[in-house]
Amino acid sequence: MKEGNAFKLIEKFLLSDPHINMEEALRCIHIGLLCVQQKPFDRPNMSSVVLMLGDKSILPQPKPPAYFTNTDLWEGAHSPALRPPSCNTSITTVEGR
């Protein structure tokens, strides 16, 4: 995005589609980057995202995104309170007689 290459994030087959509005696609990428900023209070709330998607106002420059490299969030959790709750789920099919 900083280098002006955000269009490289768009699938190649979409780039040749005449129905794709590139300005809107780049705006969606920009808004997506605003939603993954490092600090949660920098991220827009959903009502702001909806407004940003609907209007043509200038968007703020996104701050660096949050990076998550741990492949298993719960692995190594020391406290039982930090572990996800176990779920015993059964699925049944209702059939008429």
PDB file of N, CA and C in Angstrom:
ATOM      1  N   MET A   1       0.840  -1.189   0.000  1.00  0.00           N
ATOM      2  CA  MET A   1       0.000   0.000   0.000  1.00  0.00           C
ATOM      3  C   MET A   1       0.884   1.251   0.000  1.00  0.00           C
ATOM      4  N   LYS A   2       1.898   1.256   0.854  1.00  0.00           N
ATOM      5  CA  LYS A   2       2.783   2.418   0.935  1.00  0.00           C
ATOM      6  C   LYS A   2       3.530   2.652  -0.372  1.00  0.00           C
ATOM      7  N   GLU A   3       3.832   1.557  -1.065  1.00  0.00           N
ATOM      8  CA  GLU A   3       4.584   1.650  -2.313  1.00  0.00           C
ATOM      9  C   GLU A   3       3.686   1.872  -3.527  1.00  0.00           C
ATOM     10  N   GLY A   4       2.377   1.969  -3.279  1.00  0.00           N
ATOM     11  CA  GLY A   4       1.449   2.185  -4.383  1.00  0.00           C
ATOM     12  C   GLY A   4       1.140   0.922  -5.171  1.00  0.00           C
ATOM     13  N   ASN A   5       1.350  -0.239  -4.560  1.00  0.00           N
ATOM     14  CA  ASN A   5       1.127  -1.506  -5.253  1.00  0.00           C
ATOM     15  C   ASN A   5      -0.054  -2.281  -4.697  1.00  0.00           C
ATOM     16  N   ALA A   6      -1.015  -1.610  -4.127  1.00  0.00           N
ATOM     17  CA  ALA A   6      -2.158  -2.297  -3.518  1.00  0.00           C
ATOM     18  C   ALA A   6      -2.930  -3.117  -4.548  1.00  0.00           C
ATOM     19  N   PHE A   7      -2.894  -2.720  -5.811  1.00  0.00           N
ATOM     20  CA  PHE A   7      -3.603  -3.465  -6.842  1.00  0.00           C
ATOM     21  C   PHE A   7      -3.065  -4.884  -6.984  1.00  0.00           C
ATOM     22  N   LYS A   8      -1.857  -5.149  -6.496  1.00  0.00           N
ATOM     23  CA  LYS A   8      -1.296  -6.501  -6.560  1.00  0.00           C
ATOM     24  C   LYS A   8      -2.021  -7.463  -5.626  1.00  0.00           C
ATOM     25  N   LEU A   9      -2.813  -6.934  -4.700  1.00  0.00           N
ATOM     26  CA  LEU A   9      -3.588  -7.784  -3.799  1.00  0.00           C
ATOM     27  C   LEU A   9      -4.871  -8.288  -4.453  1.00  0.00           C
ATOM     28  N   ILE A  10      -5.211  -7.739  -5.594  1.00  0.00           N
ATOM     29  CA  ILE A  10      -6.443  -8.111  -6.288  1.00  0.00           C
ATOM     30  C   ILE A  10      -6.140  -9.279  -7.224  1.00  0.00           C
ATOM     31  N   GLU A  11      -7.002 -10.279  -7.221  1.00  0.00           N
ATOM     32  CA  GLU A  11      -6.831 -11.442  -8.083  1.00  0.00           C
ATOM     33  C   GLU A  11      -6.638 -11.001  -9.533  1.00  0.00           C
ATOM     34  N   LYS A  12      -5.727 -11.663 -10.222  1.00  0.00           N
ATOM     35  CA  LYS A  12      -5.403 -11.278 -11.599  1.00  0.00           C
ATOM     36  C   LYS A  12      -6.599 -11.344 -12.536  1.00  0.00           C
ATOM     37  N   PHE A  13      -7.461 -12.356 -12.355  1.00  0.00           N
ATOM     38  CA  PHE A  13      -8.606 -12.459 -13.257  1.00  0.00           C
ATOM     39  C   PHE A  13      -9.590 -11.309 -13.053  1.00  0.00           C
ATOM     40  N   LEU A  14      -9.593 -10.694 -11.855  1.00  0.00           N
ATOM     41  CA  LEU A  14     -10.477  -9.553 -11.618  1.00  0.00           C
ATOM     42  C   LEU A  14      -9.935  -8.291 -12.276  1.00  0.00           C
ATOM     43  N   LEU A  15      -8.614  -8.207 -12.408  1.00  0.00           N
ATOM     44  CA  LEU A  15      -8.014  -7.019 -13.015  1.00  0.00           C
ATOM     45  C   LEU A  15      -8.468  -6.833 -14.459  1.00  0.00           C
ATOM     46  N   SER A  16      -8.749  -7.934 -15.142  1.00  0.00           N
ATOM     47  CA  SER A  16      -9.169  -7.827 -16.544  1.00  0.00           C
ATOM     48  C   SER A  16     -10.682  -7.732 -16.709  1.00  0.00           C
ATOM     49  N   ASP A  17     -11.422  -7.837 -15.605  1.00  0.00           N
ATOM     50  CA  ASP A  17     -12.884  -7.764 -15.664  1.00  0.00           C
ATOM     51  C   ASP A  17     -13.314  -6.309 -15.797  1.00  0.00           C
ATOM     52  N   PRO A  18     -14.005  -5.960 -16.888  1.00  0.00           N
ATOM     53  CA  PRO A  18     -14.423  -4.560 -17.085  1.00  0.00           C
ATOM     54  C   PRO A  18     -15.489  -4.100 -16.085  1.00  0.00           C
ATOM     55  N   HIS A  19     -16.116  -5.029 -15.358  1.00  0.00           N
ATOM     56  CA  HIS A  19     -17.159  -4.666 -14.410  1.00  0.00           C
ATOM     57  C   HIS A  19     -16.605  -4.323 -13.032  1.00  0.00           C
ATOM     58  N   ILE A  20     -15.329  -4.569 -12.820  1.00  0.00           N
ATOM     59  CA  ILE A  20     -14.708  -4.297 -11.523  1.00  0.00           C
ATOM     60  C   ILE A  20     -14.256  -2.841 -11.480  1.00  0.00           C
ATOM     61  N   ASN A  21     -14.720  -2.122 -10.484  1.00  0.00           N
ATOM     62  CA  ASN A  21     -14.318  -0.738 -10.287  1.00  0.00           C
ATOM     63  C   ASN A  21     -13.057  -0.742  -9.429  1.00  0.00           C
ATOM     64  N   MET A  22     -11.918  -0.481 -10.044  1.00  0.00           N
ATOM     65  CA  MET A  22     -10.636  -0.548  -9.341  1.00  0.00           C
ATOM     66  C   MET A  22     -10.544   0.457  -8.201  1.00  0.00           C
ATOM     67  N   GLU A  23     -11.135   1.603  -8.370  1.00  0.00           N
ATOM     68  CA  GLU A  23     -11.121   2.603  -7.300  1.00  0.00           C
ATOM     69  C   GLU A  23     -11.832   2.066  -6.057  1.00  0.00           C
ATOM     70  N   GLU A  24     -12.957   1.393  -6.268  1.00  0.00           N
ATOM     71  CA  GLU A  24     -13.683   0.808  -5.143  1.00  0.00           C
ATOM     72  C   GLU A  24     -12.914  -0.356  -4.525  1.00  0.00           C
ATOM     73  N   ALA A  25     -12.280  -1.170  -5.355  1.00  0.00           N
ATOM     74  CA  ALA A  25     -11.497  -2.299  -4.849  1.00  0.00           C
ATOM     75  C   ALA A  25     -10.331  -1.806  -3.989  1.00  0.00           C
ATOM     76  N   LEU A  26      -9.636  -0.771  -4.436  1.00  0.00           N
ATOM     77  CA  LEU A  26      -8.524  -0.211  -3.663  1.00  0.00           C
ATOM     78  C   LEU A  26      -9.021   0.440  -2.381  1.00  0.00           C
ATOM     79  N   ARG A  27     -10.206   1.023  -2.425  1.00  0.00           N
ATOM     80  CA  ARG A  27     -10.797   1.614  -1.217  1.00  0.00           C
ATOM     81  C   ARG A  27     -11.102   0.517  -0.190  1.00  0.00           C
ATOM     82  N   CYS A  28     -11.603  -0.613  -0.660  1.00  0.00           N
ATOM     83  CA  CYS A  28     -11.888  -1.733   0.250  1.00  0.00           C
ATOM     84  C   CYS A  28     -10.601  -2.252   0.889  1.00  0.00           C
ATOM     85  N   ILE A  29      -9.537  -2.327   0.136  1.00  0.00           N
ATOM     86  CA  ILE A  29      -8.244  -2.749   0.686  1.00  0.00           C
ATOM     87  C   ILE A  29      -7.795  -1.759   1.749  1.00  0.00           C
ATOM     88  N   HIS A  30      -7.913  -0.481   1.462  1.00  0.00           N
ATOM     89  CA  HIS A  30      -7.520   0.573   2.405  1.00  0.00           C
ATOM     90  C   HIS A  30      -8.328   0.446   3.706  1.00  0.00           C
ATOM     91  N   ILE A  31      -9.641   0.268   3.579  1.00  0.00           N
ATOM     92  CA  ILE A  31     -10.495   0.129   4.763  1.00  0.00           C
ATOM     93  C   ILE A  31     -10.124  -1.134   5.533  1.00  0.00           C
ATOM     94  N   GLY A  32      -9.822  -2.207   4.823  1.00  0.00           N
ATOM     95  CA  GLY A  32      -9.382  -3.436   5.476  1.00  0.00           C
ATOM     96  C   GLY A  32      -8.119  -3.220   6.289  1.00  0.00           C
ATOM     97  N   LEU A  33      -7.193  -2.439   5.765  1.00  0.00           N
ATOM     98  CA  LEU A  33      -5.962  -2.138   6.509  1.00  0.00           C
ATOM     99  C   LEU A  33      -6.251  -1.288   7.743  1.00  0.00           C
ATOM    100  N   LEU A  34      -7.235  -0.420   7.659  1.00  0.00           N
ATOM    101  CA  LEU A  34      -7.629   0.355   8.844  1.00  0.00           C
ATOM    102  C   LEU A  34      -8.187  -0.561   9.930  1.00  0.00           C
ATOM    103  N   CYS A  35      -8.826  -1.647   9.516  1.00  0.00           N
ATOM    104  CA  CYS A  35      -9.463  -2.564  10.471  1.00  0.00           C
ATOM    105  C   CYS A  35      -8.485  -3.504  11.170  1.00  0.00           C
ATOM    106  N   VAL A  36      -7.262  -3.588  10.700  1.00  0.00           N
ATOM    107  CA  VAL A  36      -6.291  -4.507  11.313  1.00  0.00           C
ATOM    108  C   VAL A  36      -5.093  -3.765  11.915  1.00  0.00           C
ATOM    109  N   GLN A  37      -5.288  -2.506  12.252  1.00  0.00           N
ATOM    110  CA  GLN A  37      -4.203  -1.740  12.855  1.00  0.00           C
ATOM    111  C   GLN A  37      -3.808  -2.343  14.204  1.00  0.00           C
ATOM    112  N   GLN A  38      -2.557  -2.145  14.586  1.00  0.00           N
ATOM    113  CA  GLN A  38      -2.000  -2.742  15.795  1.00  0.00           C
ATOM    114  C   GLN A  38      -2.835  -2.458  17.047  1.00  0.00           C
ATOM    115  N   LYS A  39      -3.186  -1.217  17.271  1.00  0.00           N
ATOM    116  CA  LYS A  39      -3.913  -0.841  18.486  1.00  0.00           C
ATOM    117  C   LYS A  39      -5.416  -0.846  18.211  1.00  0.00           C
ATOM    118  N   PRO A  40      -6.167  -1.586  19.017  1.00  0.00           N
ATOM    119  CA  PRO A  40      -7.620  -1.678  18.777  1.00  0.00           C
ATOM    120  C   PRO A  40      -8.335  -0.329  18.743  1.00  0.00           C
ATOM    121  N   PHE A  41      -7.893   0.636  19.539  1.00  0.00           N
ATOM    122  CA  PHE A  41      -8.593   1.925  19.546  1.00  0.00           C
ATOM    123  C   PHE A  41      -8.341   2.730  18.273  1.00  0.00           C
ATOM    124  N   ASP A  42      -7.359   2.330  17.465  1.00  0.00           N
ATOM    125  CA  ASP A  42      -7.127   2.980  16.172  1.00  0.00           C
ATOM    126  C   ASP A  42      -8.052   2.423  15.090  1.00  0.00           C
ATOM    127  N   ARG A  43      -8.610   1.240  15.340  1.00  0.00           N
ATOM    128  CA  ARG A  43      -9.452   0.585  14.344  1.00  0.00           C
ATOM    129  C   ARG A  43     -10.842   1.218  14.321  1.00  0.00           C
ATOM    130  N   PRO A  44     -11.436   1.353  13.134  1.00  0.00           N
ATOM    131  CA  PRO A  44     -12.790   1.915  13.058  1.00  0.00           C
ATOM    132  C   PRO A  44     -13.820   0.908  13.558  1.00  0.00           C
ATOM    133  N   ASN A  45     -14.923   1.421  14.114  1.00  0.00           N
ATOM    134  CA  ASN A  45     -16.007   0.518  14.493  1.00  0.00           C
ATOM    135  C   ASN A  45     -16.823   0.198  13.236  1.00  0.00           C
ATOM    136  N   MET A  46     -17.722  -0.753  13.356  1.00  0.00           N
ATOM    137  CA  MET A  46     -18.453  -1.223  12.176  1.00  0.00           C
ATOM    138  C   MET A  46     -19.317  -0.146  11.531  1.00  0.00           C
ATOM    139  N   SER A  47     -19.903   0.722  12.330  1.00  0.00           N
ATOM    140  CA  SER A  47     -20.720   1.778  11.724  1.00  0.00           C
ATOM    141  C   SER A  47     -19.837   2.732  10.912  1.00  0.00           C
ATOM    142  N   SER A  48     -18.621   2.975  11.386  1.00  0.00           N
ATOM    143  CA  SER A  48     -17.682   3.808  10.624  1.00  0.00           C
ATOM    144  C   SER A  48     -17.260   3.118   9.332  1.00  0.00           C
ATOM    145  N   VAL A  49     -17.052   1.799   9.391  1.00  0.00           N
ATOM    146  CA  VAL A  49     -16.671   1.044   8.196  1.00  0.00           C
ATOM    147  C   VAL A  49     -17.777   1.131   7.148  1.00  0.00           C
ATOM    148  N   VAL A  50     -19.012   0.989   7.580  1.00  0.00           N
ATOM    149  CA  VAL A  50     -20.141   1.074   6.648  1.00  0.00           C
ATOM    150  C   VAL A  50     -20.177   2.453   6.004  1.00  0.00           C
ATOM    151  N   LEU A  51     -19.969   3.490   6.801  1.00  0.00           N
ATOM    152  CA  LEU A  51     -19.955   4.850   6.241  1.00  0.00           C
ATOM    153  C   LEU A  51     -18.799   5.030   5.257  1.00  0.00           C
ATOM    154  N   MET A  52     -17.628   4.503   5.608  1.00  0.00           N
ATOM    155  CA  MET A  52     -16.470   4.638   4.723  1.00  0.00           C
ATOM    156  C   MET A  52     -16.697   3.906   3.402  1.00  0.00           C
ATOM    157  N   LEU A  53     -17.362   2.762   3.464  1.00  0.00           N
ATOM    158  CA  LEU A  53     -17.640   2.014   2.235  1.00  0.00           C
ATOM    159  C   LEU A  53     -18.648   2.744   1.358  1.00  0.00           C
ATOM    160  N   GLY A  54     -19.537   3.522   1.971  1.00  0.00           N
ATOM    161  CA  GLY A  54     -20.606   4.160   1.231  1.00  0.00           C
ATOM    162  C   GLY A  54     -20.314   5.538   0.689  1.00  0.00           C
ATOM    163  N   ASP A  55     -19.318   6.213   1.225  1.00  0.00           N
ATOM    164  CA  ASP A  55     -19.053   7.570   0.730  1.00  0.00           C
ATOM    165  C   ASP A  55     -17.692   7.641   0.061  1.00  0.00           C
ATOM    166  N   LYS A  56     -17.361   8.783  -0.442  1.00  0.00           N
ATOM    167  CA  LYS A  56     -16.111   8.965  -1.193  1.00  0.00           C
ATOM    168  C   LYS A  56     -15.129   9.886  -0.474  1.00  0.00           C
ATOM    169  N   SER A  57     -15.308  10.040   0.850  1.00  0.00           N
ATOM    170  CA  SER A  57     -14.415  10.938   1.584  1.00  0.00           C
ATOM    171  C   SER A  57     -13.001  10.359   1.652  1.00  0.00           C
ATOM    172  N   ILE A  58     -12.071  11.212   1.960  1.00  0.00           N
ATOM    173  CA  ILE A  58     -10.670  10.794   2.072  1.00  0.00           C
ATOM    174  C   ILE A  58     -10.508   9.963   3.339  1.00  0.00           C
ATOM    175  N   LEU A  59      -9.831   8.831   3.196  1.00  0.00           N
ATOM    176  CA  LEU A  59      -9.623   7.925   4.326  1.00  0.00           C
ATOM    177  C   LEU A  59      -8.329   8.271   5.048  1.00  0.00           C
ATOM    178  N   PRO A  60      -8.289   8.046   6.366  1.00  0.00           N
ATOM    179  CA  PRO A  60      -7.040   8.271   7.090  1.00  0.00           C
ATOM    180  C   PRO A  60      -5.989   7.248   6.667  1.00  0.00           C
ATOM    181  N   GLN A  61      -4.743   7.612   6.810  1.00  0.00           N
ATOM    182  CA  GLN A  61      -3.649   6.702   6.482  1.00  0.00           C
ATOM    183  C   GLN A  61      -3.592   5.606   7.544  1.00  0.00           C
ATOM    184  N   PRO A  62      -3.586   4.327   7.150  1.00  0.00           N
ATOM    185  CA  PRO A  62      -3.536   3.271   8.164  1.00  0.00           C
ATOM    186  C   PRO A  62      -2.183   3.217   8.852  1.00  0.00           C
ATOM    187  N   LYS A  63      -2.233   2.899  10.130  1.00  0.00           N
ATOM    188  CA  LYS A  63      -1.016   2.678  10.904  1.00  0.00           C
ATOM    189  C   LYS A  63      -0.598   1.231  10.681  1.00  0.00           C
ATOM    190  N   PRO A  64       0.591   0.844  11.131  1.00  0.00           N
ATOM    191  CA  PRO A  64       1.034  -0.540  10.894  1.00  0.00           C
ATOM    192  C   PRO A  64       0.032  -1.556  11.421  1.00  0.00           C
ATOM    193  N   PRO A  65      -0.133  -2.654  10.685  1.00  0.00           N
ATOM    194  CA  PRO A  65      -1.081  -3.689  11.114  1.00  0.00           C
ATOM    195  C   PRO A  65      -0.541  -4.510  12.274  1.00  0.00           C
ATOM    196  N   ALA A  66      -1.462  -5.192  12.934  1.00  0.00           N
ATOM    197  CA  ALA A  66      -1.072  -6.125  13.990  1.00  0.00           C
ATOM    198  C   ALA A  66      -0.587  -7.393  13.311  1.00  0.00           C
ATOM    199  N   TYR A  67       0.459  -7.952  13.826  1.00  0.00           N
ATOM    200  CA  TYR A  67       0.987  -9.201  13.287  1.00  0.00           C
ATOM    201  C   TYR A  67       0.783 -10.293  14.311  1.00  0.00           C
ATOM    202  N   PHE A  68       0.317 -11.421  13.837  1.00  0.00           N
ATOM    203  CA  PHE A  68       0.102 -12.553  14.723  1.00  0.00           C
ATOM    204  C   PHE A  68       0.834 -13.735  14.114  1.00  0.00           C
ATOM    205  N   THR A  69       1.838 -14.237  14.815  1.00  0.00           N
ATOM    206  CA  THR A  69       2.647 -15.316  14.263  1.00  0.00           C
ATOM    207  C   THR A  69       2.437 -16.639  14.970  1.00  0.00           C
ATOM    208  N   ASN A  70       1.764 -16.644  16.102  1.00  0.00           N
ATOM    209  CA  ASN A  70       1.519 -17.871  16.840  1.00  0.00           C
ATOM    210  C   ASN A  70       0.489 -18.693  16.084  1.00  0.00           C
ATOM    211  N   THR A  71       0.838 -19.928  15.718  1.00  0.00           N
ATOM    212  CA  THR A  71      -0.077 -20.748  14.928  1.00  0.00           C
ATOM    213  C   THR A  71      -1.177 -21.370  15.775  1.00  0.00           C
ATOM    214  N   ASP A  72      -0.939 -21.524  17.066  1.00  0.00           N
ATOM    215  CA  ASP A  72      -1.964 -22.081  17.941  1.00  0.00           C
ATOM    216  C   ASP A  72      -2.096 -21.172  19.143  1.00  0.00           C
ATOM    217  N   LEU A  73      -3.133 -20.360  19.140  1.00  0.00           N
ATOM    218  CA  LEU A  73      -3.322 -19.357  20.179  1.00  0.00           C
ATOM    219  C   LEU A  73      -3.378 -19.971  21.562  1.00  0.00           C
ATOM    220  N   TRP A  74      -3.975 -21.138  21.691  1.00  0.00           N
ATOM    221  CA  TRP A  74      -4.213 -21.718  23.010  1.00  0.00           C
ATOM    222  C   TRP A  74      -3.094 -22.640  23.462  1.00  0.00           C
ATOM    223  N   GLU A  75      -2.185 -22.977  22.585  1.00  0.00           N
ATOM    224  CA  GLU A  75      -1.093 -23.858  22.970  1.00  0.00           C
ATOM    225  C   GLU A  75      -0.193 -23.142  23.971  1.00  0.00           C
ATOM    226  N   GLY A  76       0.076 -23.794  25.042  1.00  0.00           N
ATOM    227  CA  GLY A  76       0.959 -23.204  26.036  1.00  0.00           C
ATOM    228  C   GLY A  76       0.270 -22.242  26.976  1.00  0.00           C
ATOM    229  N   ALA A  77      -1.056 -22.150  26.913  1.00  0.00           N
ATOM    230  CA  ALA A  77      -1.755 -21.280  27.856  1.00  0.00           C
ATOM    231  C   ALA A  77      -1.573 -21.858  29.250  1.00  0.00           C
ATOM    232  N   HIS A  78      -1.086 -21.047  30.175  1.00  0.00           N
ATOM    233  CA  HIS A  78      -0.755 -21.530  31.505  1.00  0.00           C
ATOM    234  C   HIS A  78      -1.961 -21.580  32.427  1.00  0.00           C
ATOM    235  N   SER A  79      -2.908 -20.745  32.197  1.00  0.00           N
ATOM    236  CA  SER A  79      -4.058 -20.664  33.088  1.00  0.00           C
ATOM    237  C   SER A  79      -5.270 -21.329  32.440  1.00  0.00           C
ATOM    238  N   PRO A  80      -5.999 -22.147  33.186  1.00  0.00           N
ATOM    239  CA  PRO A  80      -7.226 -22.731  32.621  1.00  0.00           C
ATOM    240  C   PRO A  80      -8.218 -21.660  32.180  1.00  0.00           C
ATOM    241  N   ALA A  81      -8.158 -20.493  32.800  1.00  0.00           N
ATOM    242  CA  ALA A  81      -9.071 -19.411  32.423  1.00  0.00           C
ATOM    243  C   ALA A  81      -8.775 -18.898  31.016  1.00  0.00           C
ATOM    244  N   LEU A  82      -7.546 -19.097  30.533  1.00  0.00           N
ATOM    245  CA  LEU A  82      -7.182 -18.616  29.205  1.00  0.00           C
ATOM    246  C   LEU A  82      -7.496 -19.626  28.111  1.00  0.00           C
ATOM    247  N   ARG A  83      -7.814 -20.854  28.498  1.00  0.00           N
ATOM    248  CA  ARG A  83      -8.109 -21.876  27.513  1.00  0.00           C
ATOM    249  C   ARG A  83      -9.559 -21.742  27.049  1.00  0.00           C
ATOM    250  N   PRO A  84      -9.820 -22.123  25.802  1.00  0.00           N
ATOM    251  CA  PRO A  84     -11.202 -22.030  25.316  1.00  0.00           C
ATOM    252  C   PRO A  84     -12.073 -23.069  26.008  1.00  0.00           C
ATOM    253  N   PRO A  85     -13.345 -22.766  26.166  1.00  0.00           N
ATOM    254  CA  PRO A  85     -14.225 -23.746  26.786  1.00  0.00           C
ATOM    255  C   PRO A  85     -14.388 -24.952  25.869  1.00  0.00           C
ATOM    256  N   SER A  86     -14.541 -26.119  26.471  1.00  0.00           N
ATOM    257  CA  SER A  86     -14.774 -27.297  25.647  1.00  0.00           C
ATOM    258  C   SER A  86     -16.246 -27.308  25.236  1.00  0.00           C
ATOM    259  N   CYS A  87     -16.488 -27.807  24.084  1.00  0.00           N
ATOM    260  CA  CYS A  87     -17.850 -27.848  23.565  1.00  0.00           C
ATOM    261  C   CYS A  87     -18.184 -29.276  23.191  1.00  0.00           C
ATOM    262  N   ASN A  88     -19.222 -29.792  23.780  1.00  0.00           N
ATOM    263  CA  ASN A  88     -19.748 -31.092  23.400  1.00  0.00           C
ATOM    264  C   ASN A  88     -21.015 -30.820  22.613  1.00  0.00           C
ATOM    265  N   THR A  89     -20.925 -30.982  21.320  1.00  0.00           N
ATOM    266  CA  THR A  89     -22.035 -30.638  20.452  1.00  0.00           C
ATOM    267  C   THR A  89     -22.507 -31.878  19.721  1.00  0.00           C
ATOM    268  N   SER A  90     -23.790 -32.049  19.669  1.00  0.00           N
ATOM    269  CA  SER A  90     -24.340 -33.130  18.853  1.00  0.00           C
ATOM    270  C   SER A  90     -25.332 -32.513  17.881  1.00  0.00           C
ATOM    271  N   ILE A  91     -25.358 -33.079  16.699  1.00  0.00           N
ATOM    272  CA  ILE A  91     -26.254 -32.589  15.675  1.00  0.00           C
ATOM    273  C   ILE A  91     -27.233 -33.714  15.362  1.00  0.00           C
ATOM    274  N   THR A  92     -28.477 -33.397  15.432  1.00  0.00           N
ATOM    275  CA  THR A  92     -29.500 -34.395  15.113  1.00  0.00           C
ATOM    276  C   THR A  92     -30.347 -33.909  13.971  1.00  0.00           C
ATOM    277  N   THR A  93     -30.875 -34.859  13.258  1.00  0.00           N
ATOM    278  CA  THR A  93     -31.744 -34.540  12.146  1.00  0.00           C
ATOM    279  C   THR A  93     -33.172 -34.871  12.552  1.00  0.00           C
ATOM    280  N   VAL A  94     -34.051 -33.922  12.389  1.00  0.00           N
ATOM    281  CA  VAL A  94     -35.455 -34.147  12.726  1.00  0.00           C
ATOM    282  C   VAL A  94     -36.136 -34.679  11.470  1.00  0.00           C
ATOM    283  N   GLU A  95     -36.744 -35.841  11.620  1.00  0.00           N
ATOM    284  CA  GLU A  95     -37.450 -36.447  10.504  1.00  0.00           C
ATOM    285  C   GLU A  95     -38.879 -36.761  10.926  1.00  0.00           C
ATOM    286  N   GLY A  96     -39.799 -36.512  10.042  1.00  0.00           N
ATOM    287  CA  GLY A  96     -41.193 -36.833  10.311  1.00  0.00           C
ATOM    288  C   GLY A  96     -41.427 -38.340  10.255  1.00  0.00           C
ATOM    289  N   ARG A  97     -42.484 -38.793  10.944  1.00  0.00           N
ATOM    290  CA  ARG A  97     -42.800 -40.233  10.947  1.00  0.00           C
ATOM    291  C   ARG A  97     -43.587 -40.629   9.739  1.00  0.00           C
TER     292      ARG A  97
END
